């Protein structure tokens, strides 16, 4: 019989990449996603005693979302302080990074154009392989609301991607 540590390692090997994908959707950078995932996993492990079961995945997604919200608030407060300091010194700093391949970039741009409430559900449904009931628990909405946000989100994503294809002449 496996000990809990081995079971958690297997669970993480199975679900880790899906959880990281969701964390990326919830955060503003890869480093933030990794930090949020680590914090959420620690919270999940501390609140769920014993071996992982089917409820742990939903709990992990919920904890990722909550940790991401906390991090975003913290970052926004820090950014506000830094912006204020820059204005006082009459300096401006601007930086950004682009995804590495065109397909990823097109999808990322299209996803960024649809409302966040749709992005969350699409990410959890497609990449997180969650049911609408699990998504509802994670996002604290009803399963029916999750299902309708998924449908509306996919429609919005299709429209956005088809507009992009028309604009580039594809």
N, C-alpha and C. Protein backbone atom coordinates (compact mmCIF):
# COMPACT_ATOMS: atom_id res chain seq x y z
N UNK A 1 0.83 -1.19 0.00
CA UNK A 1 0.00 0.00 0.00
C UNK A 1 0.89 1.26 0.00
N UNK A 2 0.49 2.23 -0.81
CA UNK A 2 1.27 3.47 -0.92
C UNK A 2 1.00 4.37 0.28
N UNK A 3 2.02 5.15 0.64
CA UNK A 3 1.79 6.13 1.69
C UNK A 3 1.20 7.39 1.06
N UNK A 4 0.73 8.31 1.91
CA UNK A 4 0.08 9.53 1.41
C UNK A 4 1.01 10.36 0.54
N UNK A 5 2.26 10.40 0.89
CA UNK A 5 3.23 11.19 0.13
C UNK A 5 3.31 10.71 -1.32
N UNK A 6 3.38 9.41 -1.52
CA UNK A 6 3.43 8.86 -2.88
C UNK A 6 2.13 9.12 -3.63
N UNK A 7 1.01 9.02 -2.92
CA UNK A 7 -0.28 9.29 -3.56
C UNK A 7 -0.40 10.74 -4.00
N UNK A 8 0.10 11.66 -3.17
CA UNK A 8 0.08 13.07 -3.54
C UNK A 8 1.00 13.33 -4.73
N UNK A 9 2.15 12.66 -4.77
CA UNK A 9 3.06 12.82 -5.90
C UNK A 9 2.40 12.35 -7.19
N UNK A 10 1.71 11.22 -7.15
CA UNK A 10 1.00 10.71 -8.33
C UNK A 10 -0.12 11.67 -8.73
N UNK A 11 -0.84 12.17 -7.74
CA UNK A 11 -1.93 13.11 -8.01
C UNK A 11 -1.38 14.37 -8.69
N UNK A 12 -0.28 14.88 -8.17
CA UNK A 12 0.33 16.08 -8.75
C UNK A 12 0.84 15.81 -10.16
N UNK A 13 1.40 14.62 -10.39
CA UNK A 13 1.86 14.28 -11.74
C UNK A 13 0.69 14.24 -12.72
N UNK A 14 -0.47 13.80 -12.25
CA UNK A 14 -1.64 13.70 -13.12
C UNK A 14 -2.31 15.05 -13.36
N UNK A 15 -2.42 15.87 -12.32
CA UNK A 15 -3.20 17.10 -12.42
C UNK A 15 -2.36 18.38 -12.45
N UNK A 16 -1.07 18.28 -12.20
CA UNK A 16 -0.24 19.47 -12.08
C UNK A 16 -0.27 20.40 -13.28
N UNK A 17 -0.15 19.84 -14.48
CA UNK A 17 -0.12 20.70 -15.67
C UNK A 17 -1.46 21.39 -15.90
N UNK A 18 -2.56 20.72 -15.59
CA UNK A 18 -3.89 21.34 -15.73
C UNK A 18 -4.06 22.47 -14.72
N UNK A 19 -3.60 22.22 -13.52
CA UNK A 19 -3.70 23.24 -12.49
C UNK A 19 -2.84 24.45 -12.83
N UNK A 20 -1.65 24.20 -13.38
CA UNK A 20 -0.78 25.31 -13.77
C UNK A 20 -1.40 26.11 -14.90
N UNK A 21 -2.05 25.44 -15.84
CA UNK A 21 -2.73 26.15 -16.93
C UNK A 21 -3.80 27.09 -16.37
N UNK A 22 -4.59 26.59 -15.42
CA UNK A 22 -5.61 27.43 -14.82
C UNK A 22 -4.98 28.59 -14.07
N UNK A 23 -3.89 28.32 -13.38
CA UNK A 23 -3.18 29.38 -12.65
C UNK A 23 -2.68 30.44 -13.63
N UNK A 24 -2.20 30.02 -14.81
CA UNK A 24 -1.75 30.99 -15.82
C UNK A 24 -2.89 31.87 -16.26
N UNK A 25 -4.09 31.30 -16.41
CA UNK A 25 -5.25 32.07 -16.82
C UNK A 25 -5.64 33.10 -15.76
N UNK A 26 -5.37 32.77 -14.51
CA UNK A 26 -5.79 33.61 -13.40
C UNK A 26 -4.77 34.69 -13.05
N UNK A 27 -3.57 34.60 -13.61
CA UNK A 27 -2.50 35.51 -13.22
C UNK A 27 -1.97 36.27 -14.42
N UNK A 28 -1.00 37.12 -14.15
CA UNK A 28 -0.48 38.02 -15.18
C UNK A 28 0.87 37.61 -15.73
N UNK A 29 1.50 36.58 -15.13
CA UNK A 29 2.80 36.14 -15.62
C UNK A 29 3.03 34.68 -15.22
N UNK A 30 3.99 34.07 -15.87
CA UNK A 30 4.34 32.68 -15.58
C UNK A 30 4.82 32.54 -14.13
N UNK A 31 5.64 33.47 -13.68
CA UNK A 31 6.14 33.41 -12.31
C UNK A 31 5.00 33.52 -11.30
N UNK A 32 4.06 34.43 -11.58
CA UNK A 32 2.91 34.57 -10.69
C UNK A 32 2.08 33.29 -10.68
N UNK A 33 1.91 32.67 -11.85
CA UNK A 33 1.14 31.43 -11.94
C UNK A 33 1.78 30.34 -11.09
N UNK A 34 3.10 30.24 -11.16
CA UNK A 34 3.80 29.22 -10.38
C UNK A 34 3.68 29.51 -8.89
N UNK A 35 3.78 30.78 -8.50
CA UNK A 35 3.63 31.14 -7.09
C UNK A 35 2.22 30.83 -6.59
N UNK A 36 1.22 31.19 -7.39
CA UNK A 36 -0.17 30.94 -7.03
C UNK A 36 -0.42 29.44 -6.91
N UNK A 37 0.09 28.69 -7.86
CA UNK A 37 -0.10 27.24 -7.82
C UNK A 37 0.52 26.66 -6.55
N UNK A 38 1.72 27.08 -6.23
CA UNK A 38 2.38 26.55 -5.03
C UNK A 38 1.57 26.90 -3.78
N UNK A 39 1.14 28.14 -3.66
CA UNK A 39 0.35 28.54 -2.49
C UNK A 39 -0.95 27.76 -2.42
N UNK A 40 -1.60 27.61 -3.56
CA UNK A 40 -2.88 26.88 -3.60
C UNK A 40 -2.70 25.41 -3.24
N UNK A 41 -1.61 24.81 -3.71
CA UNK A 41 -1.37 23.40 -3.39
C UNK A 41 -1.09 23.21 -1.91
N UNK A 42 -0.35 24.14 -1.32
CA UNK A 42 -0.08 24.06 0.12
C UNK A 42 -1.39 24.18 0.90
N UNK A 43 -2.23 25.15 0.50
CA UNK A 43 -3.54 25.32 1.15
C UNK A 43 -4.38 24.06 1.01
N UNK A 44 -4.38 23.50 -0.20
CA UNK A 44 -5.17 22.30 -0.47
C UNK A 44 -4.68 21.15 0.38
N UNK A 45 -3.39 20.97 0.44
CA UNK A 45 -2.81 19.88 1.21
C UNK A 45 -3.13 20.05 2.70
N UNK A 46 -3.05 21.28 3.19
CA UNK A 46 -3.30 21.53 4.61
C UNK A 46 -4.76 21.31 4.99
N UNK A 47 -5.68 21.64 4.09
CA UNK A 47 -7.11 21.51 4.42
C UNK A 47 -7.67 20.14 4.11
N UNK A 48 -7.02 19.40 3.22
CA UNK A 48 -7.50 18.06 2.86
C UNK A 48 -6.54 17.03 3.45
N UNK A 49 -6.90 16.51 4.59
CA UNK A 49 -6.04 15.55 5.26
C UNK A 49 -6.22 14.17 4.64
N UNK A 50 -5.14 13.43 4.58
CA UNK A 50 -5.20 12.08 4.04
C UNK A 50 -4.85 12.04 2.58
N UNK A 51 -5.20 10.93 1.95
CA UNK A 51 -4.88 10.71 0.54
C UNK A 51 -5.78 11.57 -0.34
N UNK A 52 -5.29 11.98 -1.50
CA UNK A 52 -6.12 12.77 -2.42
C UNK A 52 -7.27 11.94 -2.97
N UNK A 53 -8.41 12.58 -3.17
CA UNK A 53 -9.57 11.92 -3.78
C UNK A 53 -10.14 12.85 -4.84
N UNK A 54 -11.32 12.51 -5.37
CA UNK A 54 -11.89 13.30 -6.47
C UNK A 54 -12.26 14.72 -6.07
N UNK A 55 -12.48 14.96 -4.78
CA UNK A 55 -12.84 16.31 -4.32
C UNK A 55 -11.64 17.24 -4.28
N UNK A 56 -10.45 16.70 -4.25
CA UNK A 56 -9.24 17.51 -4.11
C UNK A 56 -9.02 18.40 -5.33
N UNK A 57 -9.37 17.92 -6.52
CA UNK A 57 -9.13 18.70 -7.74
C UNK A 57 -9.96 19.99 -7.70
N UNK A 58 -11.23 19.88 -7.37
CA UNK A 58 -12.07 21.08 -7.28
C UNK A 58 -11.57 22.02 -6.20
N UNK A 59 -11.16 21.47 -5.08
CA UNK A 59 -10.61 22.29 -4.00
C UNK A 59 -9.35 23.01 -4.47
N UNK A 60 -8.51 22.32 -5.22
CA UNK A 60 -7.28 22.94 -5.73
C UNK A 60 -7.61 24.09 -6.68
N UNK A 61 -8.58 23.89 -7.59
CA UNK A 61 -8.97 24.97 -8.51
C UNK A 61 -9.52 26.17 -7.73
N UNK A 62 -10.33 25.90 -6.73
CA UNK A 62 -10.88 26.98 -5.92
C UNK A 62 -9.76 27.74 -5.22
N UNK A 63 -8.81 27.00 -4.65
CA UNK A 63 -7.69 27.65 -3.96
C UNK A 63 -6.82 28.44 -4.92
N UNK A 64 -6.63 27.95 -6.15
CA UNK A 64 -5.86 28.69 -7.16
C UNK A 64 -6.55 30.02 -7.43
N UNK A 65 -7.85 29.97 -7.64
CA UNK A 65 -8.60 31.19 -7.94
C UNK A 65 -8.47 32.19 -6.80
N UNK A 66 -8.65 31.72 -5.58
CA UNK A 66 -8.59 32.63 -4.43
C UNK A 66 -7.17 33.20 -4.24
N UNK A 67 -6.17 32.36 -4.39
CA UNK A 67 -4.78 32.84 -4.26
C UNK A 67 -4.46 33.85 -5.36
N UNK A 68 -4.98 33.62 -6.56
CA UNK A 68 -4.73 34.54 -7.68
C UNK A 68 -5.39 35.90 -7.41
N UNK A 69 -6.58 35.87 -6.86
CA UNK A 69 -7.26 37.12 -6.52
C UNK A 69 -6.45 37.89 -5.47
N UNK A 70 -5.99 37.19 -4.45
CA UNK A 70 -5.18 37.83 -3.42
C UNK A 70 -3.90 38.41 -4.00
N UNK A 71 -3.23 37.64 -4.87
CA UNK A 71 -2.00 38.12 -5.49
C UNK A 71 -2.27 39.34 -6.38
N UNK A 72 -3.34 39.29 -7.16
CA UNK A 72 -3.67 40.42 -8.04
C UNK A 72 -3.91 41.69 -7.24
N UNK A 73 -4.60 41.56 -6.14
CA UNK A 73 -4.84 42.73 -5.29
C UNK A 73 -3.52 43.28 -4.75
N UNK A 74 -2.67 42.38 -4.33
CA UNK A 74 -1.37 42.80 -3.80
C UNK A 74 -0.54 43.49 -4.89
N UNK A 75 -0.53 42.90 -6.07
CA UNK A 75 0.22 43.48 -7.19
C UNK A 75 -0.35 44.84 -7.57
N UNK A 76 -1.68 44.94 -7.61
CA UNK A 76 -2.31 46.22 -7.95
C UNK A 76 -1.94 47.31 -6.95
N UNK A 77 -1.93 46.96 -5.67
CA UNK A 77 -1.54 47.95 -4.65
C UNK A 77 -0.08 48.37 -4.85
N UNK A 78 0.79 47.39 -5.09
CA UNK A 78 2.21 47.71 -5.29
C UNK A 78 2.38 48.55 -6.56
N UNK A 79 1.70 48.16 -7.63
CA UNK A 79 1.82 48.89 -8.89
C UNK A 79 1.33 50.33 -8.73
N UNK A 80 0.27 50.49 -7.98
CA UNK A 80 -0.25 51.84 -7.75
C UNK A 80 0.80 52.69 -7.03
N UNK A 81 1.43 52.11 -6.01
CA UNK A 81 2.49 52.85 -5.30
C UNK A 81 3.65 53.18 -6.23
N UNK A 82 4.05 52.20 -7.07
CA UNK A 82 5.16 52.44 -7.99
C UNK A 82 4.81 53.48 -9.04
N UNK A 83 3.59 53.42 -9.56
CA UNK A 83 3.16 54.41 -10.56
C UNK A 83 3.16 55.82 -9.96
N UNK A 84 2.71 55.88 -8.74
CA UNK A 84 2.70 57.18 -8.07
C UNK A 84 4.14 57.71 -7.91
N UNK A 85 5.05 56.83 -7.53
CA UNK A 85 6.45 57.23 -7.39
C UNK A 85 7.03 57.66 -8.74
N UNK A 86 6.67 56.95 -9.81
CA UNK A 86 7.15 57.32 -11.15
C UNK A 86 6.62 58.68 -11.58
N UNK A 87 5.35 58.92 -11.31
CA UNK A 87 4.77 60.22 -11.68
C UNK A 87 5.48 61.34 -10.93
N UNK A 88 5.82 61.08 -9.71
CA UNK A 88 6.51 62.09 -8.92
C UNK A 88 7.90 62.37 -9.49
N UNK A 89 8.52 61.36 -10.08
CA UNK A 89 9.87 61.52 -10.65
C UNK A 89 9.85 61.77 -12.16
N UNK A 90 8.65 61.88 -12.75
CA UNK A 90 8.49 62.13 -14.18
C UNK A 90 9.15 61.06 -15.05
N UNK A 91 9.18 59.82 -14.57
CA UNK A 91 9.73 58.72 -15.35
C UNK A 91 8.59 57.79 -15.73
N UNK A 92 8.78 57.09 -16.85
CA UNK A 92 7.80 56.07 -17.25
C UNK A 92 8.54 54.81 -17.64
N UNK A 93 8.01 53.68 -17.20
CA UNK A 93 8.59 52.39 -17.54
C UNK A 93 7.51 51.55 -18.22
N UNK A 94 7.85 50.97 -19.33
CA UNK A 94 6.90 50.12 -20.06
C UNK A 94 7.61 48.87 -20.53
N UNK A 95 7.02 47.71 -20.31
CA UNK A 95 7.61 46.46 -20.78
C UNK A 95 6.51 45.44 -21.00
N UNK A 96 6.76 44.51 -21.88
CA UNK A 96 5.83 43.41 -22.12
C UNK A 96 6.58 42.30 -22.83
N UNK A 97 5.97 41.12 -22.83
CA UNK A 97 6.56 39.99 -23.55
C UNK A 97 5.49 39.33 -24.40
N UNK A 98 5.89 38.83 -25.54
CA UNK A 98 4.96 38.18 -26.46
C UNK A 98 5.12 36.67 -26.40
N UNK A 99 4.04 35.93 -26.65
CA UNK A 99 4.17 34.48 -26.73
C UNK A 99 5.10 34.10 -27.88
N UNK A 100 5.60 32.88 -27.82
CA UNK A 100 6.63 32.48 -28.77
C UNK A 100 6.11 32.07 -30.15
N UNK A 101 4.91 31.46 -30.25
CA UNK A 101 4.45 31.05 -31.57
C UNK A 101 3.13 31.75 -31.93
N UNK A 102 2.86 31.86 -33.24
CA UNK A 102 1.71 32.62 -33.71
C UNK A 102 0.38 32.02 -33.30
N UNK A 103 0.27 30.70 -33.30
CA UNK A 103 -0.98 30.05 -32.93
C UNK A 103 -1.31 30.33 -31.47
N UNK A 104 -0.33 30.16 -30.61
CA UNK A 104 -0.55 30.44 -29.19
C UNK A 104 -0.91 31.90 -28.99
N UNK A 105 -0.22 32.74 -29.71
CA UNK A 105 -0.48 34.18 -29.58
C UNK A 105 -1.90 34.51 -30.04
N UNK A 106 -2.34 33.95 -31.17
CA UNK A 106 -3.68 34.22 -31.68
C UNK A 106 -4.74 33.77 -30.67
N UNK A 107 -4.56 32.59 -30.12
CA UNK A 107 -5.51 32.08 -29.14
C UNK A 107 -5.48 32.93 -27.86
N UNK A 108 -4.29 33.29 -27.44
CA UNK A 108 -4.15 34.11 -26.23
C UNK A 108 -4.80 35.48 -26.43
N UNK A 109 -4.60 36.07 -27.60
CA UNK A 109 -5.20 37.37 -27.90
C UNK A 109 -6.72 37.24 -27.93
N UNK A 110 -7.21 36.19 -28.58
CA UNK A 110 -8.66 35.98 -28.66
C UNK A 110 -9.25 35.74 -27.26
N UNK A 111 -8.57 34.93 -26.46
CA UNK A 111 -9.07 34.67 -25.10
C UNK A 111 -9.08 35.96 -24.28
N UNK A 112 -8.08 36.81 -24.49
CA UNK A 112 -8.00 38.06 -23.73
C UNK A 112 -9.13 39.02 -24.11
N UNK A 113 -9.68 38.86 -25.30
CA UNK A 113 -10.74 39.76 -25.77
C UNK A 113 -12.12 39.38 -25.24
N UNK A 114 -12.28 38.15 -24.77
CA UNK A 114 -13.59 37.77 -24.26
C UNK A 114 -13.63 38.05 -22.76
N UNK A 115 -14.82 38.24 -22.22
CA UNK A 115 -14.93 38.57 -20.78
C UNK A 115 -14.31 37.49 -19.89
N UNK A 116 -13.77 37.93 -18.77
CA UNK A 116 -13.07 37.03 -17.84
C UNK A 116 -13.97 35.90 -17.36
N UNK A 117 -15.25 36.21 -17.12
CA UNK A 117 -16.14 35.17 -16.62
C UNK A 117 -16.29 34.02 -17.62
N UNK A 118 -16.13 34.30 -18.92
CA UNK A 118 -16.15 33.24 -19.93
C UNK A 118 -14.81 32.52 -19.99
N UNK A 119 -13.70 33.28 -19.90
CA UNK A 119 -12.35 32.69 -19.94
C UNK A 119 -12.17 31.66 -18.84
N UNK A 120 -12.61 32.01 -17.64
CA UNK A 120 -12.46 31.10 -16.51
C UNK A 120 -13.14 29.77 -16.78
N UNK A 121 -14.38 29.84 -17.24
CA UNK A 121 -15.16 28.62 -17.46
C UNK A 121 -14.56 27.79 -18.60
N UNK A 122 -14.16 28.44 -19.68
CA UNK A 122 -13.57 27.73 -20.81
C UNK A 122 -12.29 27.02 -20.38
N UNK A 123 -11.45 27.70 -19.64
CA UNK A 123 -10.20 27.11 -19.18
C UNK A 123 -10.47 25.90 -18.29
N UNK A 124 -11.38 26.05 -17.34
CA UNK A 124 -11.68 24.95 -16.44
C UNK A 124 -12.33 23.78 -17.16
N UNK A 125 -13.17 24.06 -18.15
CA UNK A 125 -13.87 22.99 -18.86
C UNK A 125 -12.93 22.26 -19.81
N UNK A 126 -12.22 22.98 -20.64
CA UNK A 126 -11.40 22.34 -21.68
C UNK A 126 -10.09 21.83 -21.11
N UNK A 127 -9.32 22.70 -20.49
CA UNK A 127 -7.98 22.30 -20.03
C UNK A 127 -8.01 21.68 -18.64
N UNK A 128 -8.96 22.11 -17.82
CA UNK A 128 -9.06 21.55 -16.47
C UNK A 128 -9.89 20.29 -16.40
N UNK A 129 -10.61 20.00 -17.50
CA UNK A 129 -11.46 18.80 -17.60
C UNK A 129 -12.42 18.70 -16.43
N UNK A 130 -12.99 19.84 -16.05
CA UNK A 130 -13.95 19.88 -14.95
C UNK A 130 -15.37 19.79 -15.47
N UNK A 131 -16.26 19.23 -14.67
CA UNK A 131 -17.68 19.22 -15.01
C UNK A 131 -18.24 20.60 -14.69
N UNK A 132 -19.45 20.87 -15.19
CA UNK A 132 -20.05 22.16 -14.89
C UNK A 132 -20.36 22.27 -13.39
N UNK A 133 -20.66 21.16 -12.75
CA UNK A 133 -20.88 21.19 -11.30
C UNK A 133 -19.59 21.56 -10.57
N UNK A 134 -18.47 20.98 -10.97
CA UNK A 134 -17.19 21.30 -10.35
C UNK A 134 -16.79 22.75 -10.63
N UNK A 135 -17.04 23.19 -11.85
CA UNK A 135 -16.74 24.59 -12.21
C UNK A 135 -17.58 25.53 -11.35
N UNK A 136 -18.85 25.17 -11.19
CA UNK A 136 -19.73 25.99 -10.36
C UNK A 136 -19.21 26.13 -8.95
N UNK A 137 -18.73 25.03 -8.37
CA UNK A 137 -18.19 25.09 -7.01
C UNK A 137 -16.93 25.95 -6.97
N UNK A 138 -16.05 25.77 -7.96
CA UNK A 138 -14.80 26.53 -7.99
C UNK A 138 -15.06 28.03 -8.11
N UNK A 139 -15.98 28.40 -8.99
CA UNK A 139 -16.24 29.82 -9.25
C UNK A 139 -17.37 30.39 -8.39
N UNK A 140 -17.95 29.51 -7.57
CA UNK A 140 -19.05 29.91 -6.69
C UNK A 140 -20.24 30.44 -7.49
N UNK A 141 -20.62 29.67 -8.53
CA UNK A 141 -21.79 29.95 -9.36
C UNK A 141 -22.55 28.64 -9.53
N UNK A 142 -23.76 28.70 -10.07
CA UNK A 142 -24.53 27.47 -10.27
C UNK A 142 -23.97 26.70 -11.48
N UNK A 143 -24.18 25.39 -11.53
CA UNK A 143 -23.74 24.61 -12.70
C UNK A 143 -24.39 25.10 -13.99
N UNK A 144 -25.65 25.54 -13.92
CA UNK A 144 -26.33 26.06 -15.12
C UNK A 144 -25.68 27.35 -15.61
N UNK A 145 -25.27 28.19 -14.68
CA UNK A 145 -24.57 29.42 -15.05
C UNK A 145 -23.22 29.08 -15.69
N UNK A 146 -22.54 28.10 -15.12
CA UNK A 146 -21.26 27.67 -15.70
C UNK A 146 -21.46 27.17 -17.12
N UNK A 147 -22.50 26.37 -17.35
CA UNK A 147 -22.77 25.84 -18.69
C UNK A 147 -23.10 26.95 -19.68
N UNK A 148 -23.90 27.91 -19.25
CA UNK A 148 -24.25 29.00 -20.17
C UNK A 148 -23.05 29.90 -20.45
N UNK A 149 -22.22 30.15 -19.43
CA UNK A 149 -21.00 30.95 -19.66
C UNK A 149 -20.07 30.23 -20.63
N UNK A 150 -20.01 28.92 -20.53
CA UNK A 150 -19.18 28.13 -21.46
C UNK A 150 -19.69 28.31 -22.89
N UNK A 151 -21.00 28.14 -23.10
CA UNK A 151 -21.58 28.30 -24.44
C UNK A 151 -21.35 29.71 -24.99
N UNK A 152 -21.68 30.72 -24.18
CA UNK A 152 -21.49 32.10 -24.63
C UNK A 152 -20.02 32.41 -24.87
N UNK A 153 -19.17 31.90 -24.01
CA UNK A 153 -17.73 32.12 -24.16
C UNK A 153 -17.18 31.49 -25.42
N UNK A 154 -17.60 30.26 -25.71
CA UNK A 154 -17.13 29.59 -26.93
C UNK A 154 -17.62 30.33 -28.17
N UNK A 155 -18.87 30.80 -28.13
CA UNK A 155 -19.38 31.59 -29.26
C UNK A 155 -18.56 32.87 -29.45
N UNK A 156 -18.26 33.55 -28.35
CA UNK A 156 -17.47 34.78 -28.43
C UNK A 156 -16.06 34.48 -28.92
N UNK A 157 -15.48 33.39 -28.48
CA UNK A 157 -14.13 33.00 -28.91
C UNK A 157 -14.12 32.68 -30.40
N UNK A 158 -15.12 31.93 -30.88
CA UNK A 158 -15.22 31.63 -32.32
C UNK A 158 -15.32 32.90 -33.15
N UNK A 159 -16.19 33.82 -32.71
CA UNK A 159 -16.34 35.09 -33.44
C UNK A 159 -15.03 35.87 -33.48
N UNK A 160 -14.37 35.91 -32.37
CA UNK A 160 -13.09 36.64 -32.27
C UNK A 160 -12.04 36.01 -33.17
N UNK A 161 -11.92 34.70 -33.14
CA UNK A 161 -10.93 34.02 -33.97
C UNK A 161 -11.25 34.15 -35.45
N UNK A 162 -12.53 34.09 -35.81
CA UNK A 162 -12.88 34.22 -37.23
C UNK A 162 -12.64 35.64 -37.72
N UNK A 163 -12.87 36.66 -36.86
CA UNK A 163 -12.55 38.04 -37.23
C UNK A 163 -11.05 38.21 -37.46
N UNK A 164 -10.25 37.59 -36.59
CA UNK A 164 -8.78 37.66 -36.74
C UNK A 164 -8.36 37.02 -38.05
N UNK A 165 -8.97 35.88 -38.40
CA UNK A 165 -8.60 35.19 -39.64
C UNK A 165 -8.96 36.05 -40.85
N UNK A 166 -10.09 36.74 -40.79
CA UNK A 166 -10.50 37.63 -41.88
C UNK A 166 -9.54 38.80 -41.99
N UNK A 167 -9.15 39.36 -40.86
CA UNK A 167 -8.27 40.52 -40.86
C UNK A 167 -6.88 40.22 -41.45
N UNK A 168 -6.39 39.00 -41.23
CA UNK A 168 -5.07 38.66 -41.76
C UNK A 168 -5.16 38.01 -43.13
N UNK A 169 -6.39 37.86 -43.64
CA UNK A 169 -6.56 37.33 -44.98
C UNK A 169 -6.47 35.82 -45.08
N UNK A 170 -6.72 35.13 -44.00
CA UNK A 170 -6.67 33.65 -44.00
C UNK A 170 -7.92 33.07 -44.59
